[in-house]
Amino acid sequence: MFTKSGKFYSYTSFSPCHTILFMKQMIRLTTLLSLAVTLVIVTHQEAEAATTHTVTSGDTMWKIAARYQVGVSELIGANPSISNPDLIYPGQTLRIPEVSAFLSFEDEVVRLVNQERAKHGLAALQSDWELARVARYKSEDMRDRRYFSHTSPTYGSPQEMIRNFGISYRASAENIAAGQTSAQAVFNAWMNSSGHRQNILSANYTHIGVGYAKGGSYGHYWTQMFIGR
């Protein structure tokens, strides 16, 4: 089942006294500017350090991807200088791609889901980064290929898509939505639909992944994937 919602400069003379005051102000301003530049440089260095990884003995692309919770294909794509991804050496520096600029949106949906499940005496669903990656791909696919359906022209059914991304499960389900501008809005829309509500409150599922994509015809695309293990 699915539901659509929101388909959302002057010349001035100075006396000697004023000149001294002006010079003092300029020195203070220069000090502040120097401090600001220093802070910017430090901040930039810290950000850069957070998005690179120095290969150590025993590292593989898969291990590094799992550590930073990114896909291997995204990691390889972010490091075109690595001619053979199966051969990486200690001391090499790899760039770690950004997972999602909207991770907080996705995490908020998971929080709302587990908050609701707790009200009904249900166990919290474990947030699964690999499943969230699949859900993100689905939302981006709907946006980029301009469709709104559980069946993707690129990946097939939700079950096929999850399986083809290497995730095993005994039960699975998917909720999709488009147009809602916030996590709360999309959560409310799903809870007001019996089929979507049933997936959110099902005891059959143990893990959840949420993927959000911005842009496209509806402005906002959401995918919620559930699996039971």
C-alpha atoms as a PDB file:
ATOM      1  CA  MET A   1       0.000   0.000   0.000  1.00  0.00           C
ATOM      2  CA  PHE A   2       1.091   3.515  -0.493  1.00  0.00           C
ATOM      3  CA  THR A   3      -0.146   7.008   0.101  1.00  0.00           C
ATOM      4  CA  LYS A   4       0.893  10.331  -1.471  1.00  0.00           C
ATOM      5  CA  SER A   5       0.790  13.521   0.513  1.00  0.00           C
ATOM      6  CA  GLY A   6       1.950  16.896  -0.695  1.00  0.00           C
ATOM      7  CA  LYS A   7       2.392  15.740  -4.365  1.00  0.00           C
ATOM      8  CA  PHE A   8       6.052  20.579  -0.737  1.00  0.00           C
ATOM      9  CA  TYR A   9      33.575  53.313   1.855  1.00  0.00           C
ATOM     10  CA  SER A  10      33.900  57.655   3.278  1.00  0.00           C
ATOM     11  CA  TYR A  11      36.763  59.946   4.055  1.00  0.00           C
ATOM     12  CA  THR A  12      37.247  60.974   7.723  1.00  0.00           C
ATOM     13  CA  SER A  13      39.951  63.161   9.289  1.00  0.00           C
ATOM     14  CA  PHE A  14      41.408  62.195  12.671  1.00  0.00           C
ATOM     15  CA  SER A  15      42.983  64.211  15.526  1.00  0.00           C
ATOM     16  CA  PRO A  16      46.152  62.703  17.145  1.00  0.00           C
ATOM     17  CA  CYS A  17      43.998  61.315  19.970  1.00  0.00           C
ATOM     18  CA  HIS A  18      41.580  59.847  17.521  1.00  0.00           C
ATOM     19  CA  THR A  19      44.487  58.433  15.539  1.00  0.00           C
ATOM     20  CA  ILE A  20      45.804  56.562  18.593  1.00  0.00           C
ATOM     21  CA  LEU A  21      42.324  55.238  19.357  1.00  0.00           C
ATOM     22  CA  PHE A  22      41.883  54.212  15.738  1.00  0.00           C
ATOM     23  CA  MET A  23      45.230  52.355  15.752  1.00  0.00           C
ATOM     24  CA  LYS A  24      44.299  50.517  18.927  1.00  0.00           C
ATOM     25  CA  GLN A  25      40.982  49.503  17.375  1.00  0.00           C
ATOM     26  CA  MET A  26      42.743  48.306  14.240  1.00  0.00           C
ATOM     27  CA  ILE A  27      45.202  46.223  16.276  1.00  0.00           C
ATOM     28  CA  ARG A  28      42.291  44.672  18.159  1.00  0.00           C
ATOM     29  CA  LEU A  29      40.437  43.994  14.923  1.00  0.00           C
ATOM     30  CA  THR A  30      43.538  42.410  13.377  1.00  0.00           C
ATOM     31  CA  THR A  31      43.887  40.166  16.429  1.00  0.00           C
ATOM     32  CA  LEU A  32      40.251  39.113  16.155  1.00  0.00           C
ATOM     33  CA  LEU A  33      40.616  38.430  12.458  1.00  0.00           C
ATOM     34  CA  SER A  34      43.743  36.354  13.075  1.00  0.00           C
ATOM     35  CA  LEU A  35      41.867  34.371  15.684  1.00  0.00           C
ATOM     36  CA  ALA A  36      38.961  33.866  13.307  1.00  0.00           C
ATOM     37  CA  VAL A  37      41.268  32.637  10.555  1.00  0.00           C
ATOM     38  CA  THR A  38      42.944  30.260  13.010  1.00  0.00           C
ATOM     39  CA  LEU A  39      39.572  28.867  14.051  1.00  0.00           C
ATOM     40  CA  VAL A  40      38.515  28.394  10.461  1.00  0.00           C
ATOM     41  CA  ILE A  41      41.729  26.547   9.626  1.00  0.00           C
ATOM     42  CA  VAL A  42      41.422  24.301  12.666  1.00  0.00           C
ATOM     43  CA  THR A  43      37.777  23.583  11.924  1.00  0.00           C
ATOM     44  CA  HIS A  44      38.609  22.735   8.317  1.00  0.00           C
ATOM     45  CA  GLN A  45      41.430  20.434   9.400  1.00  0.00           C
ATOM     46  CA  GLU A  46      39.170  18.676  11.865  1.00  0.00           C
ATOM     47  CA  ALA A  47      36.516  18.196   9.192  1.00  0.00           C
ATOM     48  CA  GLU A  48      39.091  16.890   6.759  1.00  0.00           C
ATOM     49  CA  ALA A  49      40.421  14.470   9.370  1.00  0.00           C
ATOM     50  CA  ALA A  50      36.913  13.156   9.935  1.00  0.00           C
ATOM     51  CA  THR A  51      36.462  12.240   6.270  1.00  0.00           C
ATOM     52  CA  THR A  52      39.697  10.374   5.590  1.00  0.00           C
ATOM     53  CA  HIS A  53      41.065   7.028   6.688  1.00  0.00           C
ATOM     54  CA  THR A  54      44.682   5.917   6.748  1.00  0.00           C
ATOM     55  CA  VAL A  55      44.954   2.286   5.761  1.00  0.00           C
ATOM     56  CA  THR A  56      46.490  -0.003   8.373  1.00  0.00           C
ATOM     57  CA  SER A  57      47.607  -3.622   8.216  1.00  0.00           C
ATOM     58  CA  GLY A  58      44.638  -5.945   7.757  1.00  0.00           C
ATOM     59  CA  ASP A  59      42.346  -3.314   6.269  1.00  0.00           C
ATOM     60  CA  THR A  60      40.163  -4.128   3.295  1.00  0.00           C
ATOM     61  CA  MET A  61      37.683  -1.965   1.454  1.00  0.00           C
ATOM     62  CA  TRP A  62      34.870  -3.977   3.016  1.00  0.00           C
ATOM     63  CA  LYS A  63      36.197  -3.553   6.561  1.00  0.00           C
ATOM     64  CA  ILE A  64      36.699   0.183   6.074  1.00  0.00           C
ATOM     65  CA  ALA A  65      33.232   0.570   4.549  1.00  0.00           C
ATOM     66  CA  ALA A  66      31.650  -1.309   7.453  1.00  0.00           C
ATOM     67  CA  ARG A  67      33.572   0.778   9.990  1.00  0.00           C
ATOM     68  CA  TYR A  68      32.254   4.043   8.548  1.00  0.00           C
ATOM     69  CA  GLN A  69      28.868   2.569   7.617  1.00  0.00           C
ATOM     70  CA  VAL A  70      29.097   3.321   3.916  1.00  0.00           C
ATOM     71  CA  GLY A  71      28.734   1.081   0.912  1.00  0.00           C
ATOM     72  CA  VAL A  72      31.814  -0.486  -0.652  1.00  0.00           C
ATOM     73  CA  SER A  73      30.799   0.832  -4.072  1.00  0.00           C
ATOM     74  CA  GLU A  74      30.528   4.391  -2.674  1.00  0.00           C
ATOM     75  CA  LEU A  75      33.936   4.031  -0.995  1.00  0.00           C
ATOM     76  CA  ILE A  76      35.525   2.838  -4.221  1.00  0.00           C
ATOM     77  CA  GLY A  77      33.828   5.628  -6.175  1.00  0.00           C
ATOM     78  CA  ALA A  78      35.187   8.231  -3.738  1.00  0.00           C
ATOM     79  CA  ASN A  79      38.758   6.987  -4.325  1.00  0.00           C
ATOM     80  CA  PRO A  80      39.338   6.822  -8.098  1.00  0.00           C
ATOM     81  CA  SER A  81      43.118   6.865  -7.562  1.00  0.00           C
ATOM     82  CA  ILE A  82      42.896   3.295  -6.235  1.00  0.00           C
ATOM     83  CA  SER A  83      43.293   1.282  -9.432  1.00  0.00           C
ATOM     84  CA  ASN A  84      42.628  -2.078  -7.766  1.00  0.00           C
ATOM     85  CA  PRO A  85      40.290  -1.938  -4.747  1.00  0.00           C
ATOM     86  CA  ASP A  86      41.423  -5.427  -3.744  1.00  0.00           C
ATOM     87  CA  LEU A  87      44.968  -4.123  -3.251  1.00  0.00           C
ATOM     88  CA  ILE A  88      45.294  -1.334  -0.700  1.00  0.00           C
ATOM     89  CA  TYR A  89      48.404  -0.768   1.368  1.00  0.00           C
ATOM     90  CA  PRO A  90      49.191   0.550   4.867  1.00  0.00           C
ATOM     91  CA  GLY A  91      49.793   4.283   4.796  1.00  0.00           C
ATOM     92  CA  GLN A  92      47.409   4.997   1.918  1.00  0.00           C
ATOM     93  CA  THR A  93      44.798   7.662   2.639  1.00  0.00           C
ATOM     94  CA  LEU A  94      41.236   6.997   1.561  1.00  0.00           C
ATOM     95  CA  ARG A  95      38.452   9.558   1.387  1.00  0.00           C
ATOM     96  CA  ILE A  96      35.317   8.498   3.192  1.00  0.00           C
ATOM     97  CA  PRO A  97      32.169   9.588   1.350  1.00  0.00           C
ATOM     98  CA  GLU A  98      29.403  11.368   3.223  1.00  0.00           C
ATOM     99  CA  VAL A  99      26.631   8.983   4.181  1.00  0.00           C
ATOM    100  CA  SER A 100      23.749  11.424   3.876  1.00  0.00           C
ATOM    101  CA  ALA A 101      23.255  15.124   4.397  1.00  0.00           C
ATOM    102  CA  PHE A 102      19.851  14.245   5.820  1.00  0.00           C
ATOM    103  CA  LEU A 103      20.856  11.555   8.309  1.00  0.00           C
ATOM    104  CA  SER A 104      19.147  13.436  11.150  1.00  0.00           C
ATOM    105  CA  PHE A 105      15.835  13.308   9.236  1.00  0.00           C
ATOM    106  CA  GLU A 106      16.131   9.563   8.836  1.00  0.00           C
ATOM    107  CA  ASP A 107      17.165   8.997  12.445  1.00  0.00           C
ATOM    108  CA  GLU A 108      14.180  11.019  13.630  1.00  0.00           C
ATOM    109  CA  VAL A 109      11.789   8.738  11.761  1.00  0.00           C
ATOM    110  CA  VAL A 110      13.370   5.733  13.479  1.00  0.00           C
ATOM    111  CA  ARG A 111      12.978   7.452  16.853  1.00  0.00           C
ATOM    112  CA  LEU A 112       9.312   8.178  16.206  1.00  0.00           C
ATOM    113  CA  VAL A 113       8.694   4.593  15.123  1.00  0.00           C
ATOM    114  CA  ASN A 114      10.264   3.125  18.240  1.00  0.00           C
ATOM    115  CA  GLN A 115       8.494   5.634  20.435  1.00  0.00           C
ATOM    116  CA  GLU A 116       5.179   4.485  18.990  1.00  0.00           C
ATOM    117  CA  ARG A 117       6.089   0.815  19.266  1.00  0.00           C
ATOM    118  CA  ALA A 118       6.899   1.282  22.957  1.00  0.00           C
ATOM    119  CA  LYS A 119       3.370   2.607  23.530  1.00  0.00           C
ATOM    120  CA  HIS A 120       2.065  -0.703  22.222  1.00  0.00           C
ATOM    121  CA  GLY A 121       4.435  -2.900  24.212  1.00  0.00           C
ATOM    122  CA  LEU A 122       6.527  -3.789  21.196  1.00  0.00           C
ATOM    123  CA  ALA A 123      10.292  -4.157  21.111  1.00  0.00           C
ATOM    124  CA  ALA A 124      12.266  -1.337  19.517  1.00  0.00           C
ATOM    125  CA  LEU A 125      13.487  -1.892  15.980  1.00  0.00           C
ATOM    126  CA  GLN A 126      17.250  -1.857  15.509  1.00  0.00           C
ATOM    127  CA  SER A 127      18.444   0.815  13.094  1.00  0.00           C
ATOM    128  CA  ASP A 128      20.373  -0.954  10.340  1.00  0.00           C
ATOM    129  CA  TRP A 129      22.745   1.207   8.280  1.00  0.00           C
ATOM    130  CA  GLU A 130      22.892  -1.291   5.419  1.00  0.00           C
ATOM    131  CA  LEU A 131      19.112  -1.377   5.183  1.00  0.00           C
ATOM    132  CA  ALA A 132      19.006   2.444   5.422  1.00  0.00           C
ATOM    133  CA  ARG A 133      21.419   2.553   2.495  1.00  0.00           C
ATOM    134  CA  VAL A 134      19.020   0.458   0.441  1.00  0.00           C
ATOM    135  CA  ALA A 135      16.082   2.649   1.462  1.00  0.00           C
ATOM    136  CA  ARG A 136      18.054   5.752   0.479  1.00  0.00           C
ATOM    137  CA  TYR A 137      18.758   4.275  -2.944  1.00  0.00           C
ATOM    138  CA  LYS A 138      15.036   3.578  -3.347  1.00  0.00           C
ATOM    139  CA  SER A 139      14.050   7.160  -2.472  1.00  0.00           C
ATOM    140  CA  GLU A 140      16.685   8.544  -4.842  1.00  0.00           C
ATOM    141  CA  ASP A 141      15.513   6.188  -7.573  1.00  0.00           C
ATOM    142  CA  MET A 142      11.899   7.344  -7.236  1.00  0.00           C
ATOM    143  CA  ARG A 143      13.046  10.959  -7.385  1.00  0.00           C
ATOM    144  CA  ASP A 144      15.436  10.523 -10.309  1.00  0.00           C
ATOM    145  CA  ARG A 145      13.219   8.251 -12.411  1.00  0.00           C
ATOM    146  CA  ARG A 146      10.025  10.112 -11.563  1.00  0.00           C
ATOM    147  CA  TYR A 147       7.839   7.320 -10.315  1.00  0.00           C
ATOM    148  CA  PHE A 148       6.083   6.484  -7.065  1.00  0.00           C
ATOM    149  CA  SER A 149       5.714   2.769  -6.543  1.00  0.00           C
ATOM    150  CA  HIS A 150       6.909  -0.130  -4.462  1.00  0.00           C
ATOM    151  CA  THR A 151       8.161  -1.724  -7.657  1.00  0.00           C
ATOM    152  CA  SER A 152      11.276  -0.005  -8.980  1.00  0.00           C
ATOM    153  CA  PRO A 153      12.129  -0.080 -12.700  1.00  0.00           C
ATOM    154  CA  THR A 154      15.746  -0.231 -11.542  1.00  0.00           C
ATOM    155  CA  TYR A 155      15.712  -2.590  -8.587  1.00  0.00           C
ATOM    156  CA  GLY A 156      12.453  -4.537  -8.825  1.00  0.00           C
ATOM    157  CA  SER A 157      10.309  -5.291  -5.805  1.00  0.00           C
ATOM    158  CA  PRO A 158      11.396  -4.269  -2.275  1.00  0.00           C
ATOM    159  CA  GLN A 159      12.129  -7.902  -1.474  1.00  0.00           C
ATOM    160  CA  GLU A 160      14.304  -8.313  -4.562  1.00  0.00           C
ATOM    161  CA  MET A 161      16.086  -5.048  -3.897  1.00  0.00           C
ATOM    162  CA  ILE A 162      16.922  -5.890  -0.284  1.00  0.00           C
ATOM    163  CA  ARG A 163      18.134  -9.350  -1.239  1.00  0.00           C
ATOM    164  CA  ASN A 164      20.209  -8.097  -4.159  1.00  0.00           C
ATOM    165  CA  PHE A 165      22.000  -5.682  -1.822  1.00  0.00           C
ATOM    166  CA  GLY A 166      23.187  -8.712   0.131  1.00  0.00           C
ATOM    167  CA  ILE A 167      20.848  -8.450   3.122  1.00  0.00           C
ATOM    168  CA  SER A 168      19.242 -11.645   4.390  1.00  0.00           C
ATOM    169  CA  TYR A 169      15.882 -11.741   6.158  1.00  0.00           C
ATOM    170  CA  ARG A 170      12.947 -13.964   7.000  1.00  0.00           C
ATOM    171  CA  ALA A 171      10.299 -11.228   6.598  1.00  0.00           C
ATOM    172  CA  SER A 172      10.309  -7.795   5.005  1.00  0.00           C
ATOM    173  CA  ALA A 173       8.080  -4.807   4.253  1.00  0.00           C
ATOM    174  CA  GLU A 174       8.302  -1.309   2.829  1.00  0.00           C
ATOM    175  CA  ASN A 175       6.540   2.013   3.382  1.00  0.00           C
ATOM    176  CA  ILE A 176       7.016   4.860   0.921  1.00  0.00           C
ATOM    177  CA  ALA A 177       5.785   8.452   0.858  1.00  0.00           C
ATOM    178  CA  ALA A 178       6.363  11.663  -1.078  1.00  0.00           C
ATOM    179  CA  GLY A 179       5.817  15.360  -0.427  1.00  0.00           C
ATOM    180  CA  GLN A 180       6.062  15.465   3.369  1.00  0.00           C
ATOM    181  CA  THR A 181       8.583  18.069   4.545  1.00  0.00           C
ATOM    182  CA  SER A 182       9.528  16.606   7.931  1.00  0.00           C
ATOM    183  CA  ALA A 183      10.004  13.342   9.766  1.00  0.00           C
ATOM    184  CA  GLN A 184       6.959  14.038  11.917  1.00  0.00           C
ATOM    185  CA  ALA A 185       4.779  14.769   8.893  1.00  0.00           C
ATOM    186  CA  VAL A 186       5.690  11.572   7.090  1.00  0.00           C
ATOM    187  CA  PHE A 187       5.343   9.531  10.256  1.00  0.00           C
ATOM    188  CA  ASN A 188       1.851  10.945  10.825  1.00  0.00           C
ATOM    189  CA  ALA A 189       0.880  10.149   7.237  1.00  0.00           C
ATOM    190  CA  TRP A 190       1.996   6.553   7.608  1.00  0.00           C
ATOM    191  CA  MET A 191       0.264   6.138  10.956  1.00  0.00           C
ATOM    192  CA  ASN A 192      -2.987   7.413   9.449  1.00  0.00           C
ATOM    193  CA  SER A 193      -2.917   4.611   6.876  1.00  0.00           C
ATOM    194  CA  SER A 194      -3.815   1.143   8.114  1.00  0.00           C
ATOM    195  CA  GLY A 195      -1.347  -0.757   5.907  1.00  0.00           C
ATOM    196  CA  HIS A 196       1.588   1.470   6.778  1.00  0.00           C
ATOM    197  CA  ARG A 197       0.626   1.518  10.447  1.00  0.00           C
ATOM    198  CA  GLN A 198       0.547  -2.262  10.432  1.00  0.00           C
ATOM    199  CA  ASN A 199       4.143  -2.415   9.171  1.00  0.00           C
ATOM    200  CA  ILE A 200       5.312   0.071  11.801  1.00  0.00           C
ATOM    201  CA  LEU A 201       3.632  -1.845  14.619  1.00  0.00           C
ATOM    202  CA  SER A 202       4.343  -5.371  13.442  1.00  0.00           C
ATOM    203  CA  ALA A 203       6.051  -7.802  15.805  1.00  0.00           C
ATOM    204  CA  ASN A 204       7.457  -9.628  12.774  1.00  0.00           C
ATOM    205  CA  TYR A 205      10.218  -7.100  12.204  1.00  0.00           C
ATOM    206  CA  THR A 206      13.451  -6.557  14.126  1.00  0.00           C
ATOM    207  CA  HIS A 207      15.370  -4.043  11.997  1.00  0.00           C
ATOM    208  CA  ILE A 208      14.534  -0.790  10.199  1.00  0.00           C
ATOM    209  CA  GLY A 209      16.201   1.399   7.601  1.00  0.00           C
ATOM    210  CA  VAL A 210      14.956   4.840   6.554  1.00  0.00           C
ATOM    211  CA  GLY A 211      16.061   6.663   3.418  1.00  0.00           C
ATOM    212  CA  TYR A 212      15.249  10.262   2.460  1.00  0.00           C
ATOM    213  CA  ALA A 213      15.911  12.080  -0.821  1.00  0.00           C
ATOM    214  CA  LYS A 214      15.300  15.762  -1.506  1.00  0.00           C
ATOM    215  CA  GLY A 215      14.179  17.194  -4.834  1.00  0.00           C
ATOM    216  CA  GLY A 216      12.207  15.840  -7.751  1.00  0.00           C
ATOM    217  CA  SER A 217       8.554  16.305  -8.605  1.00  0.00           C
ATOM    218  CA  TYR A 218       7.315  16.061  -5.016  1.00  0.00           C
ATOM    219  CA  GLY A 219      10.293  17.718  -3.332  1.00  0.00           C
ATOM    220  CA  HIS A 220      10.723  15.023  -0.696  1.00  0.00           C
ATOM    221  CA  TYR A 221      10.843  11.233  -0.981  1.00  0.00           C
ATOM    222  CA  TRP A 222      10.790   8.815   1.945  1.00  0.00           C
ATOM    223  CA  THR A 223      11.333   5.069   2.148  1.00  0.00           C
ATOM    224  CA  GLN A 224      11.015   2.933   5.224  1.00  0.00           C
ATOM    225  CA  MET A 225      12.214  -0.678   5.028  1.00  0.00           C
ATOM    226  CA  PHE A 226      11.629  -3.322   7.637  1.00  0.00           C
ATOM    227  CA  ILE A 227      13.129  -6.793   7.991  1.00  0.00           C
ATOM    228  CA  GLY A 228      12.793  -9.584  10.493  1.00  0.00           C
ATOM    229  CA  ARG A 229      15.737 -11.820  11.312  1.00  0.00           C
END
